[in-house]
Amino acid sequence: MNIPQYFKDIEENTKKVYAVAEEARAKGFDPVSKVEIPLARSLAEKVVGLISS
């Protein structure tokens, strides 16, 4: 597996996990209605997400 494919697989699997989490939250299995941890593709996006929340 090459590096771009590796990161693409990680991103796709992460989206699947988030979808499962959002579905569970929609059913009321968690007291919070949305996934609290936003996805960030870079360190800069993560910093902006942390500062703006």
PDB file of N, CA and C in Angstrom:
ATOM      1  N   MET A   1       0.856  -1.176   0.000  1.00  0.00           N
ATOM      2  CA  MET A   1       0.000   0.000   0.000  1.00  0.00           C
ATOM      3  C   MET A   1       0.902   1.240   0.000  1.00  0.00           C
ATOM      4  N   ASN A   2       0.540   2.195  -0.830  1.00  0.00           N
ATOM      5  CA  ASN A   2       1.324   3.421  -0.863  1.00  0.00           C
ATOM      6  C   ASN A   2       0.790   4.423   0.158  1.00  0.00           C
ATOM      7  N   ILE A   3       1.561   5.438   0.420  1.00  0.00           N
ATOM      8  CA  ILE A   3       1.223   6.398   1.474  1.00  0.00           C
ATOM      9  C   ILE A   3      -0.074   7.149   1.190  1.00  0.00           C
ATOM     10  N   PRO A   4      -0.305   7.678  -0.020  1.00  0.00           N
ATOM     11  CA  PRO A   4      -1.577   8.365  -0.265  1.00  0.00           C
ATOM     12  C   PRO A   4      -2.794   7.450  -0.037  1.00  0.00           C
ATOM     13  N   GLN A   5      -2.689   6.202  -0.446  1.00  0.00           N
ATOM     14  CA  GLN A   5      -3.789   5.253  -0.242  1.00  0.00           C
ATOM     15  C   GLN A   5      -3.991   4.979   1.245  1.00  0.00           C
ATOM     16  N   TYR A   6      -2.902   4.888   1.984  1.00  0.00           N
ATOM     17  CA  TYR A   6      -2.963   4.668   3.429  1.00  0.00           C
ATOM     18  C   TYR A   6      -3.767   5.782   4.104  1.00  0.00           C
ATOM     19  N   PHE A   7      -3.443   7.030   3.786  1.00  0.00           N
ATOM     20  CA  PHE A   7      -4.146   8.152   4.400  1.00  0.00           C
ATOM     21  C   PHE A   7      -5.595   8.240   3.910  1.00  0.00           C
ATOM     22  N   LYS A   8      -5.833   7.876   2.665  1.00  0.00           N
ATOM     23  CA  LYS A   8      -7.202   7.854   2.153  1.00  0.00           C
ATOM     24  C   LYS A   8      -8.027   6.820   2.917  1.00  0.00           C
ATOM     25  N   ASP A   9      -7.440   5.652   3.174  1.00  0.00           N
ATOM     26  CA  ASP A   9      -8.134   4.614   3.938  1.00  0.00           C
ATOM     27  C   ASP A   9      -8.448   5.082   5.363  1.00  0.00           C
ATOM     28  N   ILE A  10      -7.495   5.749   5.987  1.00  0.00           N
ATOM     29  CA  ILE A  10      -7.724   6.275   7.331  1.00  0.00           C
ATOM     30  C   ILE A  10      -8.883   7.262   7.318  1.00  0.00           C
ATOM     31  N   GLU A  11      -8.887   8.165   6.352  1.00  0.00           N
ATOM     32  CA  GLU A  11      -9.944   9.166   6.261  1.00  0.00           C
ATOM     33  C   GLU A  11     -11.313   8.518   6.032  1.00  0.00           C
ATOM     34  N   GLU A  12     -11.385   7.540   5.143  1.00  0.00           N
ATOM     35  CA  GLU A  12     -12.652   6.863   4.862  1.00  0.00           C
ATOM     36  C   GLU A  12     -13.164   6.113   6.092  1.00  0.00           C
ATOM     37  N   ASN A  13     -12.271   5.417   6.782  1.00  0.00           N
ATOM     38  CA  ASN A  13     -12.680   4.679   7.968  1.00  0.00           C
ATOM     39  C   ASN A  13     -13.099   5.613   9.104  1.00  0.00           C
ATOM     40  N   THR A  14     -12.427   6.742   9.208  1.00  0.00           N
ATOM     41  CA  THR A  14     -12.805   7.725  10.222  1.00  0.00           C
ATOM     42  C   THR A  14     -14.200   8.267   9.946  1.00  0.00           C
ATOM     43  N   LYS A  15     -14.507   8.537   8.692  1.00  0.00           N
ATOM     44  CA  LYS A  15     -15.848   9.019   8.334  1.00  0.00           C
ATOM     45  C   LYS A  15     -16.911   7.975   8.674  1.00  0.00           C
ATOM     46  N   LYS A  16     -16.597   6.692   8.458  1.00  0.00           N
ATOM     47  CA  LYS A  16     -17.540   5.626   8.801  1.00  0.00           C
ATOM     48  C   LYS A  16     -17.794   5.587  10.301  1.00  0.00           C
ATOM     49  N   VAL A  17     -16.736   5.715  11.086  1.00  0.00           N
ATOM     50  CA  VAL A  17     -16.872   5.690  12.542  1.00  0.00           C
ATOM     51  C   VAL A  17     -17.688   6.887  13.020  1.00  0.00           C
ATOM     52  N   TYR A  18     -17.435   8.051  12.459  1.00  0.00           N
ATOM     53  CA  TYR A  18     -18.207   9.233  12.836  1.00  0.00           C
ATOM     54  C   TYR A  18     -19.680   9.061  12.472  1.00  0.00           C
ATOM     55  N   ALA A  19     -19.959   8.431  11.339  1.00  0.00           N
ATOM     56  CA  ALA A  19     -21.345   8.195  10.936  1.00  0.00           C
ATOM     57  C   ALA A  19     -22.043   7.281  11.932  1.00  0.00           C
ATOM     58  N   VAL A  20     -21.356   6.252  12.396  1.00  0.00           N
ATOM     59  CA  VAL A  20     -21.924   5.349  13.404  1.00  0.00           C
ATOM     60  C   VAL A  20     -22.178   6.115  14.701  1.00  0.00           C
ATOM     61  N   ALA A  21     -21.228   6.941  15.093  1.00  0.00           N
ATOM     62  CA  ALA A  21     -21.387   7.728  16.316  1.00  0.00           C
ATOM     63  C   ALA A  21     -22.563   8.692  16.203  1.00  0.00           C
ATOM     64  N   GLU A  22     -22.700   9.350  15.069  1.00  0.00           N
ATOM     65  CA  GLU A  22     -23.812  10.283  14.872  1.00  0.00           C
ATOM     66  C   GLU A  22     -25.150   9.545  14.878  1.00  0.00           C
ATOM     67  N   GLU A  23     -25.185   8.361  14.293  1.00  0.00           N
ATOM     68  CA  GLU A  23     -26.418   7.563  14.278  1.00  0.00           C
ATOM     69  C   GLU A  23     -26.802   7.144  15.698  1.00  0.00           C
ATOM     70  N   ALA A  24     -25.834   6.730  16.475  1.00  0.00           N
ATOM     71  CA  ALA A  24     -26.099   6.337  17.865  1.00  0.00           C
ATOM     72  C   ALA A  24     -26.589   7.537  18.669  1.00  0.00           C
ATOM     73  N   ARG A  25     -26.009   8.669  18.435  1.00  0.00           N
ATOM     74  CA  ARG A  25     -26.428   9.869  19.164  1.00  0.00           C
ATOM     75  C   ARG A  25     -27.834  10.281  18.752  1.00  0.00           C
ATOM     76  N   ALA A  26     -28.166  10.111  17.487  1.00  0.00           N
ATOM     77  CA  ALA A  26     -29.513  10.449  17.015  1.00  0.00           C
ATOM     78  C   ALA A  26     -30.561   9.555  17.668  1.00  0.00           C
ATOM     79  N   LYS A  27     -30.179   8.351  18.047  1.00  0.00           N
ATOM     80  CA  LYS A  27     -31.101   7.423  18.698  1.00  0.00           C
ATOM     81  C   LYS A  27     -31.194   7.658  20.202  1.00  0.00           C
ATOM     82  N   GLY A  28     -30.401   8.598  20.709  1.00  0.00           N
ATOM     83  CA  GLY A  28     -30.475   8.942  22.120  1.00  0.00           C
ATOM     84  C   GLY A  28     -29.614   8.063  23.014  1.00  0.00           C
ATOM     85  N   PHE A  29     -28.644   7.348  22.455  1.00  0.00           N
ATOM     86  CA  PHE A  29     -27.776   6.501  23.260  1.00  0.00           C
ATOM     87  C   PHE A  29     -26.693   7.284  23.996  1.00  0.00           C
ATOM     88  N   ASP A  30     -26.608   8.560  23.732  1.00  0.00           N
ATOM     89  CA  ASP A  30     -25.610   9.404  24.367  1.00  0.00           C
ATOM     90  C   ASP A  30     -26.287  10.702  24.774  1.00  0.00           C
ATOM     91  N   PRO A  31     -25.936  11.259  25.913  1.00  0.00           N
ATOM     92  CA  PRO A  31     -26.596  12.495  26.348  1.00  0.00           C
ATOM     93  C   PRO A  31     -26.305  13.713  25.471  1.00  0.00           C
ATOM     94  N   VAL A  32     -25.242  13.665  24.694  1.00  0.00           N
ATOM     95  CA  VAL A  32     -24.890  14.772  23.812  1.00  0.00           C
ATOM     96  C   VAL A  32     -25.377  14.428  22.412  1.00  0.00           C
ATOM     97  N   SER A  33     -25.951  15.404  21.711  1.00  0.00           N
ATOM     98  CA  SER A  33     -26.586  15.129  20.424  1.00  0.00           C
ATOM     99  C   SER A  33     -25.640  15.100  19.226  1.00  0.00           C
ATOM    100  N   LYS A  34     -24.399  15.555  19.401  1.00  0.00           N
ATOM    101  CA  LYS A  34     -23.461  15.529  18.271  1.00  0.00           C
ATOM    102  C   LYS A  34     -22.093  15.057  18.741  1.00  0.00           C
ATOM    103  N   VAL A  35     -21.280  14.622  17.800  1.00  0.00           N
ATOM    104  CA  VAL A  35     -19.920  14.190  18.113  1.00  0.00           C
ATOM    105  C   VAL A  35     -19.113  15.425  18.488  1.00  0.00           C
ATOM    106  N   GLU A  36     -18.508  15.401  19.676  1.00  0.00           N
ATOM    107  CA  GLU A  36     -17.836  16.600  20.193  1.00  0.00           C
ATOM    108  C   GLU A  36     -16.493  16.889  19.547  1.00  0.00           C
ATOM    109  N   ILE A  37     -15.852  15.884  18.971  1.00  0.00           N
ATOM    110  CA  ILE A  37     -14.512  16.067  18.437  1.00  0.00           C
ATOM    111  C   ILE A  37     -14.589  16.311  16.931  1.00  0.00           C
ATOM    112  N   PRO A  38     -14.351  17.541  16.489  1.00  0.00           N
ATOM    113  CA  PRO A  38     -14.405  17.817  15.053  1.00  0.00           C
ATOM    114  C   PRO A  38     -13.185  17.231  14.343  1.00  0.00           C
ATOM    115  N   LEU A  39     -13.401  16.806  13.119  1.00  0.00           N
ATOM    116  CA  LEU A  39     -12.286  16.292  12.326  1.00  0.00           C
ATOM    117  C   LEU A  39     -11.428  17.445  11.831  1.00  0.00           C
ATOM    118  N   ALA A  40     -10.129  17.235  11.819  1.00  0.00           N
ATOM    119  CA  ALA A  40      -9.193  18.229  11.298  1.00  0.00           C
ATOM    120  C   ALA A  40      -8.195  17.516  10.403  1.00  0.00           C
ATOM    121  N   ARG A  41      -7.999  18.026   9.214  1.00  0.00           N
ATOM    122  CA  ARG A  41      -7.079  17.389   8.266  1.00  0.00           C
ATOM    123  C   ARG A  41      -5.646  17.862   8.452  1.00  0.00           C
ATOM    124  N   SER A  42      -5.454  18.950   9.193  1.00  0.00           N
ATOM    125  CA  SER A  42      -4.100  19.453   9.407  1.00  0.00           C
ATOM    126  C   SER A  42      -4.001  20.031  10.813  1.00  0.00           C
ATOM    127  N   LEU A  43      -2.802  20.293  11.234  1.00  0.00           N
ATOM    128  CA  LEU A  43      -2.585  20.895  12.539  1.00  0.00           C
ATOM    129  C   LEU A  43      -3.220  22.284  12.600  1.00  0.00           C
ATOM    130  N   ALA A  44      -3.159  23.022  11.506  1.00  0.00           N
ATOM    131  CA  ALA A  44      -3.764  24.355  11.480  1.00  0.00           C
ATOM    132  C   ALA A  44      -5.275  24.277  11.685  1.00  0.00           C
ATOM    133  N   GLU A  45      -5.936  23.314  11.038  1.00  0.00           N
ATOM    134  CA  GLU A  45      -7.376  23.148  11.225  1.00  0.00           C
ATOM    135  C   GLU A  45      -7.698  22.772  12.670  1.00  0.00           C
ATOM    136  N   LYS A  46      -6.859  21.954  13.263  1.00  0.00           N
ATOM    137  CA  LYS A  46      -7.086  21.538  14.643  1.00  0.00           C
ATOM    138  C   LYS A  46      -6.975  22.742  15.576  1.00  0.00           C
ATOM    139  N   VAL A  47      -5.976  23.582  15.369  1.00  0.00           N
ATOM    140  CA  VAL A  47      -5.778  24.760  16.213  1.00  0.00           C
ATOM    141  C   VAL A  47      -6.975  25.690  16.080  1.00  0.00           C
ATOM    142  N   VAL A  48      -7.424  25.940  14.862  1.00  0.00           N
ATOM    143  CA  VAL A  48      -8.582  26.815  14.642  1.00  0.00           C
ATOM    144  C   VAL A  48      -9.811  26.236  15.327  1.00  0.00           C
ATOM    145  N   GLY A  49     -10.001  24.926  15.230  1.00  0.00           N
ATOM    146  CA  GLY A  49     -11.138  24.281  15.868  1.00  0.00           C
ATOM    147  C   GLY A  49     -11.096  24.405  17.387  1.00  0.00           C
ATOM    148  N   LEU A  50      -9.910  24.277  17.956  1.00  0.00           N
ATOM    149  CA  LEU A  50      -9.779  24.386  19.409  1.00  0.00           C
ATOM    150  C   LEU A  50      -9.986  25.817  19.892  1.00  0.00           C
ATOM    151  N   ILE A  51      -9.476  26.766  19.142  1.00  0.00           N
ATOM    152  CA  ILE A  51      -9.609  28.169  19.544  1.00  0.00           C
ATOM    153  C   ILE A  51     -11.033  28.658  19.387  1.00  0.00           C
ATOM    154  N   SER A  52     -11.710  28.236  18.340  1.00  0.00           N
ATOM    155  CA  SER A  52     -13.048  28.764  18.068  1.00  0.00           C
ATOM    156  C   SER A  52     -14.150  28.092  18.877  1.00  0.00           C
ATOM    157  N   SER A  53     -13.825  27.009  19.577  1.00  0.00           N
ATOM    158  CA  SER A  53     -14.900  26.333  20.334  1.00  0.00           C
ATOM    159  C   SER A  53     -15.005  26.808  21.745  1.00  0.00           C
TER     160      SER A  53
END
